[in-house]
PDB file of all heavy atoms in Angstrom:
ATOM      1  N   ARG A   1       0.831  -1.204   0.000  1.00  0.00           N
ATOM      2  CA  ARG A   1       0.000   0.000   0.000  1.00  0.00           C
ATOM      3  C   ARG A   1       0.870   1.260   0.000  1.00  0.00           C
ATOM      4  O   ARG A   1       0.550   2.248  -0.662  1.00  0.00           O
ATOM      5  CB  ARG A   1      -0.926  -0.013   1.210  1.00  0.00           C
ATOM      6  CG  ARG A   1      -1.668   1.282   1.443  1.00  0.00           C
ATOM      7  CD  ARG A   1      -2.639   1.612   0.340  1.00  0.00           C
ATOM      8  NE  ARG A   1      -3.878   0.876   0.464  1.00  0.00           N
ATOM      9  CZ  ARG A   1      -4.993   1.177  -0.197  1.00  0.00           C
ATOM     10  NH1 ARG A   1      -4.995   2.202  -1.044  1.00  0.00           N
ATOM     11  NH2 ARG A   1      -6.067   0.458  -0.055  1.00  0.00           N
ATOM     12  N   GLN A   2       1.989   1.234   0.711  1.00  0.00           N
ATOM     13  CA  GLN A   2       2.883   2.393   0.712  1.00  0.00           C
ATOM     14  C   GLN A   2       3.460   2.638  -0.681  1.00  0.00           C
ATOM     15  O   GLN A   2       3.556   3.784  -1.128  1.00  0.00           O
ATOM     16  CB  GLN A   2       4.008   2.191   1.724  1.00  0.00           C
ATOM     17  CG  GLN A   2       3.547   2.211   3.168  1.00  0.00           C
ATOM     18  CD  GLN A   2       4.667   1.939   4.146  1.00  0.00           C
ATOM     19  OE1 GLN A   2       5.835   2.167   3.858  1.00  0.00           O
ATOM     20  NE2 GLN A   2       4.316   1.440   5.321  1.00  0.00           N
ATOM     21  N   ALA A   3       3.848   1.549  -1.357  1.00  0.00           N
ATOM     22  CA  ALA A   3       4.353   1.698  -2.726  1.00  0.00           C
ATOM     23  C   ALA A   3       3.244   2.169  -3.658  1.00  0.00           C
ATOM     24  O   ALA A   3       3.473   3.000  -4.549  1.00  0.00           O
ATOM     25  CB  ALA A   3       4.933   0.367  -3.207  1.00  0.00           C
ATOM     26  N   TYR A   4       2.052   1.659  -3.466  1.00  0.00           N
ATOM     27  CA  TYR A   4       0.895   2.085  -4.263  1.00  0.00           C
ATOM     28  C   TYR A   4       0.642   3.583  -4.074  1.00  0.00           C
ATOM     29  O   TYR A   4       0.405   4.317  -5.041  1.00  0.00           O
ATOM     30  CB  TYR A   4      -0.335   1.270  -3.847  1.00  0.00           C
ATOM     31  CG  TYR A   4      -1.612   1.649  -4.554  1.00  0.00           C
ATOM     32  CD1 TYR A   4      -1.974   1.025  -5.743  1.00  0.00           C
ATOM     33  CD2 TYR A   4      -2.455   2.626  -4.023  1.00  0.00           C
ATOM     34  CE1 TYR A   4      -3.160   1.368  -6.393  1.00  0.00           C
ATOM     35  CE2 TYR A   4      -3.632   2.973  -4.661  1.00  0.00           C
ATOM     36  CZ  TYR A   4      -3.981   2.342  -5.853  1.00  0.00           C
ATOM     37  OH  TYR A   4      -5.137   2.689  -6.491  1.00  0.00           O
ATOM     38  N   ASP A   5       0.712   4.032  -2.839  1.00  0.00           N
ATOM     39  CA  ASP A   5       0.477   5.446  -2.552  1.00  0.00           C
ATOM     40  C   ASP A   5       1.567   6.331  -3.153  1.00  0.00           C
ATOM     41  O   ASP A   5       1.345   7.532  -3.359  1.00  0.00           O
ATOM     42  CB  ASP A   5       0.384   5.669  -1.045  1.00  0.00           C
ATOM     43  CG  ASP A   5      -0.897   5.092  -0.447  1.00  0.00           C
ATOM     44  OD1 ASP A   5      -1.841   4.818  -1.216  1.00  0.00           O
ATOM     45  OD2 ASP A   5      -0.935   4.903   0.787  1.00  0.00           O
ATOM     46  N   ALA A   6       2.731   5.736  -3.441  1.00  0.00           N
ATOM     47  CA  ALA A   6       3.805   6.473  -4.109  1.00  0.00           C
ATOM     48  C   ALA A   6       3.624   6.496  -5.623  1.00  0.00           C
ATOM     49  O   ALA A   6       4.444   7.075  -6.331  1.00  0.00           O
ATOM     50  CB  ALA A   6       5.160   5.860  -3.760  1.00  0.00           C
ATOM     51  N   GLY A   7       2.560   5.851  -6.114  1.00  0.00           N
ATOM     52  CA  GLY A   7       2.264   5.878  -7.542  1.00  0.00           C
ATOM     53  C   GLY A   7       2.532   4.596  -8.284  1.00  0.00           C
ATOM     54  O   GLY A   7       2.256   4.505  -9.486  1.00  0.00           O
ATOM     55  N   GLU A   8       3.057   3.573  -7.596  1.00  0.00           N
ATOM     56  CA  GLU A   8       3.357   2.308  -8.276  1.00  0.00           C
ATOM     57  C   GLU A   8       2.076   1.496  -8.482  1.00  0.00           C
ATOM     58  O   GLU A   8       1.185   1.496  -7.635  1.00  0.00           O
ATOM     59  CB  GLU A   8       4.371   1.499  -7.469  1.00  0.00           C
ATOM     60  CG  GLU A   8       5.701   2.208  -7.262  1.00  0.00           C
ATOM     61  CD  GLU A   8       6.358   2.633  -8.551  1.00  0.00           C
ATOM     62  OE1 GLU A   8       6.281   1.884  -9.542  1.00  0.00           O
ATOM     63  OE2 GLU A   8       6.959   3.728  -8.581  1.00  0.00           O
ATOM     64  N   ARG A   9       2.018   0.810  -9.626  1.00  0.00           N
ATOM     65  CA  ARG A   9       0.840   0.003  -9.940  1.00  0.00           C
ATOM     66  C   ARG A   9       1.195  -1.428 -10.353  1.00  0.00           C
ATOM     67  O   ARG A   9       0.313  -2.288 -10.397  1.00  0.00           O
ATOM     68  CB  ARG A   9       0.020   0.653 -11.065  1.00  0.00           C
ATOM     69  CG  ARG A   9      -0.637   1.982 -10.652  1.00  0.00           C
ATOM     70  CD  ARG A   9      -1.653   1.786  -9.565  1.00  0.00           C
ATOM     71  NE  ARG A   9      -2.319   3.017  -9.168  1.00  0.00           N
ATOM     72  CZ  ARG A   9      -1.883   3.812  -8.190  1.00  0.00           C
ATOM     73  NH1 ARG A   9      -0.782   3.517  -7.509  1.00  0.00           N
ATOM     74  NH2 ARG A   9      -2.546   4.918  -7.881  1.00  0.00           N
ATOM     75  N   ASP A  10       2.446  -1.699 -10.646  1.00  0.00           N
ATOM     76  CA  ASP A  10       2.854  -3.038 -11.094  1.00  0.00           C
ATOM     77  C   ASP A  10       3.558  -3.763  -9.953  1.00  0.00           C
ATOM     78  O   ASP A  10       4.611  -3.315  -9.469  1.00  0.00           O
ATOM     79  CB  ASP A  10       3.786  -2.942 -12.301  1.00  0.00           C
ATOM     80  CG  ASP A  10       3.077  -2.390 -13.529  1.00  0.00           C
ATOM     81  OD1 ASP A  10       2.439  -3.193 -14.232  1.00  0.00           O
ATOM     82  OD2 ASP A  10       3.152  -1.161 -13.765  1.00  0.00           O
ATOM     83  N   PHE A  11       2.982  -4.902  -9.542  1.00  0.00           N
ATOM     84  CA  PHE A  11       3.524  -5.659  -8.416  1.00  0.00           C
ATOM     85  C   PHE A  11       3.665  -7.131  -8.795  1.00  0.00           C
ATOM     86  O   PHE A  11       2.809  -7.684  -9.498  1.00  0.00           O
ATOM     87  CB  PHE A  11       2.623  -5.509  -7.195  1.00  0.00           C
ATOM     88  CG  PHE A  11       2.614  -4.114  -6.626  1.00  0.00           C
ATOM     89  CD1 PHE A  11       1.715  -3.168  -7.085  1.00  0.00           C
ATOM     90  CD2 PHE A  11       3.529  -3.741  -5.652  1.00  0.00           C
ATOM     91  CE1 PHE A  11       1.702  -1.874  -6.583  1.00  0.00           C
ATOM     92  CE2 PHE A  11       3.530  -2.445  -5.143  1.00  0.00           C
ATOM     93  CZ  PHE A  11       2.629  -1.507  -5.613  1.00  0.00           C
ATOM     94  N   GLY A  12       4.745  -7.748  -8.319  1.00  0.00           N
ATOM     95  CA  GLY A  12       5.053  -9.124  -8.685  1.00  0.00           C
ATOM     96  C   GLY A  12       4.951 -10.084  -7.530  1.00  0.00           C
ATOM     97  O   GLY A  12       5.511  -9.844  -6.450  1.00  0.00           O
ATOM     98  N   GLU A  13       4.248 -11.179  -7.750  1.00  0.00           N
ATOM     99  CA  GLU A  13       4.077 -12.235  -6.752  1.00  0.00           C
ATOM    100  C   GLU A  13       4.475 -13.581  -7.348  1.00  0.00           C
ATOM    101  O   GLU A  13       4.406 -13.769  -8.562  1.00  0.00           O
ATOM    102  CB  GLU A  13       2.631 -12.284  -6.268  1.00  0.00           C
ATOM    103  CG  GLU A  13       2.186 -11.060  -5.492  1.00  0.00           C
ATOM    104  CD  GLU A  13       2.794 -10.985  -4.100  1.00  0.00           C
ATOM    105  OE1 GLU A  13       3.078 -12.055  -3.511  1.00  0.00           O
ATOM    106  OE2 GLU A  13       2.981  -9.858  -3.595  1.00  0.00           O
ATOM    107  N   SER A  14       4.873 -14.517  -6.467  1.00  0.00           N
ATOM    108  CA  SER A  14       5.358 -15.805  -6.957  1.00  0.00           C
ATOM    109  C   SER A  14       4.610 -17.002  -6.394  1.00  0.00           C
ATOM    110  O   SER A  14       4.904 -18.132  -6.750  1.00  0.00           O
ATOM    111  CB  SER A  14       6.851 -15.956  -6.631  1.00  0.00           C
ATOM    112  OG  SER A  14       7.047 -15.974  -5.224  1.00  0.00           O
ATOM    113  N   ARG A  15       3.647 -16.759  -5.499  1.00  0.00           N
ATOM    114  CA  ARG A  15       2.847 -17.846  -4.947  1.00  0.00           C
ATOM    115  C   ARG A  15       1.377 -17.528  -5.180  1.00  0.00           C
ATOM    116  O   ARG A  15       0.910 -16.426  -4.848  1.00  0.00           O
ATOM    117  CB  ARG A  15       3.121 -18.023  -3.450  1.00  0.00           C
ATOM    118  CG  ARG A  15       4.533 -18.492  -3.145  1.00  0.00           C
ATOM    119  CD  ARG A  15       4.744 -18.687  -1.664  1.00  0.00           C
ATOM    120  NE  ARG A  15       6.076 -19.190  -1.365  1.00  0.00           N
ATOM    121  CZ  ARG A  15       6.541 -19.408  -0.138  1.00  0.00           C
ATOM    122  NH1 ARG A  15       5.760 -19.170   0.911  1.00  0.00           N
ATOM    123  NH2 ARG A  15       7.763 -19.855   0.047  1.00  0.00           N
ATOM    124  N   VAL A  16       0.662 -18.483  -5.716  1.00  0.00           N
ATOM    125  CA  VAL A  16      -0.714 -18.231  -6.126  1.00  0.00           C
ATOM    126  C   VAL A  16      -1.591 -17.840  -4.943  1.00  0.00           C
ATOM    127  O   VAL A  16      -2.355 -16.874  -5.017  1.00  0.00           O
ATOM    128  CB  VAL A  16      -1.289 -19.455  -6.871  1.00  0.00           C
ATOM    129  CG1 VAL A  16      -2.796 -19.323  -7.050  1.00  0.00           C
ATOM    130  CG2 VAL A  16      -0.599 -19.615  -8.220  1.00  0.00           C
ATOM    131  N   GLN A  17      -1.500 -18.567  -3.835  1.00  0.00           N
ATOM    132  CA  GLN A  17      -2.368 -18.268  -2.700  1.00  0.00           C
ATOM    133  C   GLN A  17      -2.101 -16.876  -2.148  1.00  0.00           C
ATOM    134  O   GLN A  17      -3.034 -16.121  -1.821  1.00  0.00           O
ATOM    135  CB  GLN A  17      -2.188 -19.312  -1.589  1.00  0.00           C
ATOM    136  CG  GLN A  17      -3.196 -19.182  -0.450  1.00  0.00           C
ATOM    137  CD  GLN A  17      -4.642 -19.247  -0.933  1.00  0.00           C
ATOM    138  OE1 GLN A  17      -4.991 -20.072  -1.773  1.00  0.00           O
ATOM    139  NE2 GLN A  17      -5.492 -18.365  -0.399  1.00  0.00           N
ATOM    140  N   GLU A  18      -0.835 -16.508  -2.054  1.00  0.00           N
ATOM    141  CA  GLU A  18      -0.493 -15.172  -1.567  1.00  0.00           C
ATOM    142  C   GLU A  18      -1.006 -14.100  -2.524  1.00  0.00           C
ATOM    143  O   GLU A  18      -1.523 -13.062  -2.093  1.00  0.00           O
ATOM    144  CB  GLU A  18       1.024 -15.061  -1.409  1.00  0.00           C
ATOM    145  CG  GLU A  18       1.483 -13.748  -0.809  1.00  0.00           C
ATOM    146  CD  GLU A  18       2.995 -13.700  -0.603  1.00  0.00           C
ATOM    147  OE1 GLU A  18       3.684 -14.699  -0.907  1.00  0.00           O
ATOM    148  OE2 GLU A  18       3.482 -12.648  -0.147  1.00  0.00           O
ATOM    149  N   LEU A  19      -0.877 -14.364  -3.814  1.00  0.00           N
ATOM    150  CA  LEU A  19      -1.383 -13.422  -4.808  1.00  0.00           C
ATOM    151  C   LEU A  19      -2.896 -13.255  -4.680  1.00  0.00           C
ATOM    152  O   LEU A  19      -3.423 -12.128  -4.729  1.00  0.00           O
ATOM    153  CB  LEU A  19      -1.013 -13.894  -6.213  1.00  0.00           C
ATOM    154  CG  LEU A  19      -1.625 -13.141  -7.391  1.00  0.00           C
ATOM    155  CD1 LEU A  19      -1.313 -11.654  -7.318  1.00  0.00           C
ATOM    156  CD2 LEU A  19      -1.139 -13.731  -8.701  1.00  0.00           C
ATOM    157  N   LEU A  20      -3.616 -14.339  -4.516  1.00  0.00           N
ATOM    158  CA  LEU A  20      -5.072 -14.269  -4.391  1.00  0.00           C
ATOM    159  C   LEU A  20      -5.479 -13.437  -3.184  1.00  0.00           C
ATOM    160  O   LEU A  20      -6.410 -12.622  -3.255  1.00  0.00           O
ATOM    161  CB  LEU A  20      -5.653 -15.672  -4.287  1.00  0.00           C
ATOM    162  CG  LEU A  20      -5.533 -16.562  -5.535  1.00  0.00           C
ATOM    163  CD1 LEU A  20      -6.004 -17.974  -5.223  1.00  0.00           C
ATOM    164  CD2 LEU A  20      -6.311 -15.990  -6.700  1.00  0.00           C
ATOM    165  N   GLU A  21      -4.801 -13.624  -2.071  1.00  0.00           N
ATOM    166  CA  GLU A  21      -5.138 -12.876  -0.861  1.00  0.00           C
ATOM    167  C   GLU A  21      -4.870 -11.386  -1.044  1.00  0.00           C
ATOM    168  O   GLU A  21      -5.681 -10.541  -0.638  1.00  0.00           O
ATOM    169  CB  GLU A  21      -4.334 -13.434   0.317  1.00  0.00           C
ATOM    170  CG  GLU A  21      -4.752 -14.851   0.709  1.00  0.00           C
ATOM    171  CD  GLU A  21      -3.811 -15.492   1.711  1.00  0.00           C
ATOM    172  OE1 GLU A  21      -2.810 -14.833   2.096  1.00  0.00           O
ATOM    173  OE2 GLU A  21      -4.049 -16.650   2.105  1.00  0.00           O
ATOM    174  N   LYS A  22      -3.744 -11.058  -1.648  1.00  0.00           N
ATOM    175  CA  LYS A  22      -3.401  -9.644  -1.834  1.00  0.00           C
ATOM    176  C   LYS A  22      -4.302  -8.992  -2.883  1.00  0.00           C
ATOM    177  O   LYS A  22      -4.668  -7.818  -2.757  1.00  0.00           O
ATOM    178  CB  LYS A  22      -1.927  -9.519  -2.220  1.00  0.00           C
ATOM    179  CG  LYS A  22      -0.979  -9.842  -1.071  1.00  0.00           C
ATOM    180  CD  LYS A  22       0.476  -9.825  -1.495  1.00  0.00           C
ATOM    181  CE  LYS A  22       1.391 -10.072  -0.310  1.00  0.00           C
ATOM    182  NZ  LYS A  22       2.817 -10.142  -0.705  1.00  0.00           N
ATOM    183  N   HIS A  23      -4.666  -9.756  -3.902  1.00  0.00           N
ATOM    184  CA  HIS A  23      -5.568  -9.228  -4.927  1.00  0.00           C
ATOM    185  C   HIS A  23      -6.904  -8.811  -4.311  1.00  0.00           C
ATOM    186  O   HIS A  23      -7.489  -7.786  -4.681  1.00  0.00           O
ATOM    187  CB  HIS A  23      -5.780 -10.289  -6.011  1.00  0.00           C
ATOM    188  CG  HIS A  23      -6.787  -9.916  -7.035  1.00  0.00           C
ATOM    189  ND1 HIS A  23      -7.993 -10.584  -7.175  1.00  0.00           N
ATOM    190  CD2 HIS A  23      -6.802  -8.940  -7.971  1.00  0.00           C
ATOM    191  CE1 HIS A  23      -8.687 -10.033  -8.148  1.00  0.00           C
ATOM    192  NE2 HIS A  23      -7.988  -9.045  -8.651  1.00  0.00           N
ATOM    193  N   LYS A  24      -7.384  -9.583  -3.358  1.00  0.00           N
ATOM    194  CA  LYS A  24      -8.649  -9.253  -2.693  1.00  0.00           C
ATOM    195  C   LYS A  24      -8.513  -8.066  -1.743  1.00  0.00           C
ATOM    196  O   LYS A  24      -9.448  -7.281  -1.574  1.00  0.00           O
ATOM    197  CB  LYS A  24      -9.161 -10.471  -1.913  1.00  0.00           C
ATOM    198  CG  LYS A  24      -9.616 -11.628  -2.790  1.00  0.00           C
ATOM    199  CD  LYS A  24     -10.068 -12.800  -1.938  1.00  0.00           C
ATOM    200  CE  LYS A  24     -10.500 -13.976  -2.793  1.00  0.00           C
ATOM    201  NZ  LYS A  24     -10.898 -15.153  -1.972  1.00  0.00           N
ATOM    202  N   ALA A  25      -7.345  -7.936  -1.124  1.00  0.00           N
ATOM    203  CA  ALA A  25      -7.178  -6.956  -0.055  1.00  0.00           C
ATOM    204  C   ALA A  25      -6.736  -5.585  -0.537  1.00  0.00           C
ATOM    205  O   ALA A  25      -6.901  -4.595   0.199  1.00  0.00           O
ATOM    206  CB  ALA A  25      -6.156  -7.480   0.959  1.00  0.00           C
ATOM    207  N   LEU A  26      -6.199  -5.495  -1.754  1.00  0.00           N
ATOM    208  CA  LEU A  26      -5.580  -4.257  -2.218  1.00  0.00           C
ATOM    209  C   LEU A  26      -6.355  -3.650  -3.390  1.00  0.00           C
ATOM    210  O   LEU A  26      -7.246  -4.296  -3.946  1.00  0.00           O
ATOM    211  CB  LEU A  26      -4.119  -4.540  -2.586  1.00  0.00           C
ATOM    212  CG  LEU A  26      -3.230  -4.791  -1.359  1.00  0.00           C
ATOM    213  CD1 LEU A  26      -1.972  -5.560  -1.732  1.00  0.00           C
ATOM    214  CD2 LEU A  26      -2.863  -3.472  -0.677  1.00  0.00           C
ATOM    215  N   PRO A  27      -6.056  -2.410  -3.778  1.00  0.00           N
ATOM    216  CA  PRO A  27      -6.853  -1.721  -4.799  1.00  0.00           C
ATOM    217  C   PRO A  27      -6.977  -2.481  -6.116  1.00  0.00           C
ATOM    218  O   PRO A  27      -6.058  -3.179  -6.557  1.00  0.00           O
ATOM    219  CB  PRO A  27      -6.089  -0.403  -4.992  1.00  0.00           C
ATOM    220  CG  PRO A  27      -5.440  -0.155  -3.669  1.00  0.00           C
ATOM    221  CD  PRO A  27      -5.036  -1.518  -3.171  1.00  0.00           C
ATOM    222  N   ALA A  28      -8.127  -2.308  -6.737  1.00  0.00           N
ATOM    223  CA  ALA A  28      -8.465  -3.077  -7.939  1.00  0.00           C
ATOM    224  C   ALA A  28      -7.652  -2.676  -9.153  1.00  0.00           C
ATOM    225  O   ALA A  28      -7.573  -3.446 -10.120  1.00  0.00           O
ATOM    226  CB  ALA A  28      -9.951  -2.926  -8.244  1.00  0.00           C
ATOM    227  N   ASP A  29      -7.040  -1.493  -9.140  1.00  0.00           N
ATOM    228  CA  ASP A  29      -6.297  -1.066 -10.329  1.00  0.00           C
ATOM    229  C   ASP A  29      -4.831  -1.486 -10.303  1.00  0.00           C
ATOM    230  O   ASP A  29      -4.055  -1.105 -11.182  1.00  0.00           O
ATOM    231  CB  ASP A  29      -6.404   0.455 -10.529  1.00  0.00           C
ATOM    232  CG  ASP A  29      -5.803   1.257  -9.384  1.00  0.00           C
ATOM    233  OD1 ASP A  29      -5.694   0.715  -8.261  1.00  0.00           O
ATOM    234  OD2 ASP A  29      -5.442   2.431  -9.614  1.00  0.00           O
TER     235      ASP A  29
END
């Protein structure tokens, strides 16, 4: 969220379950 607030929009994940959880919890864009 701190990186997002700095203007970043591209984030990389390597585990599917972790990605799914973060996708639900963080902004849709």
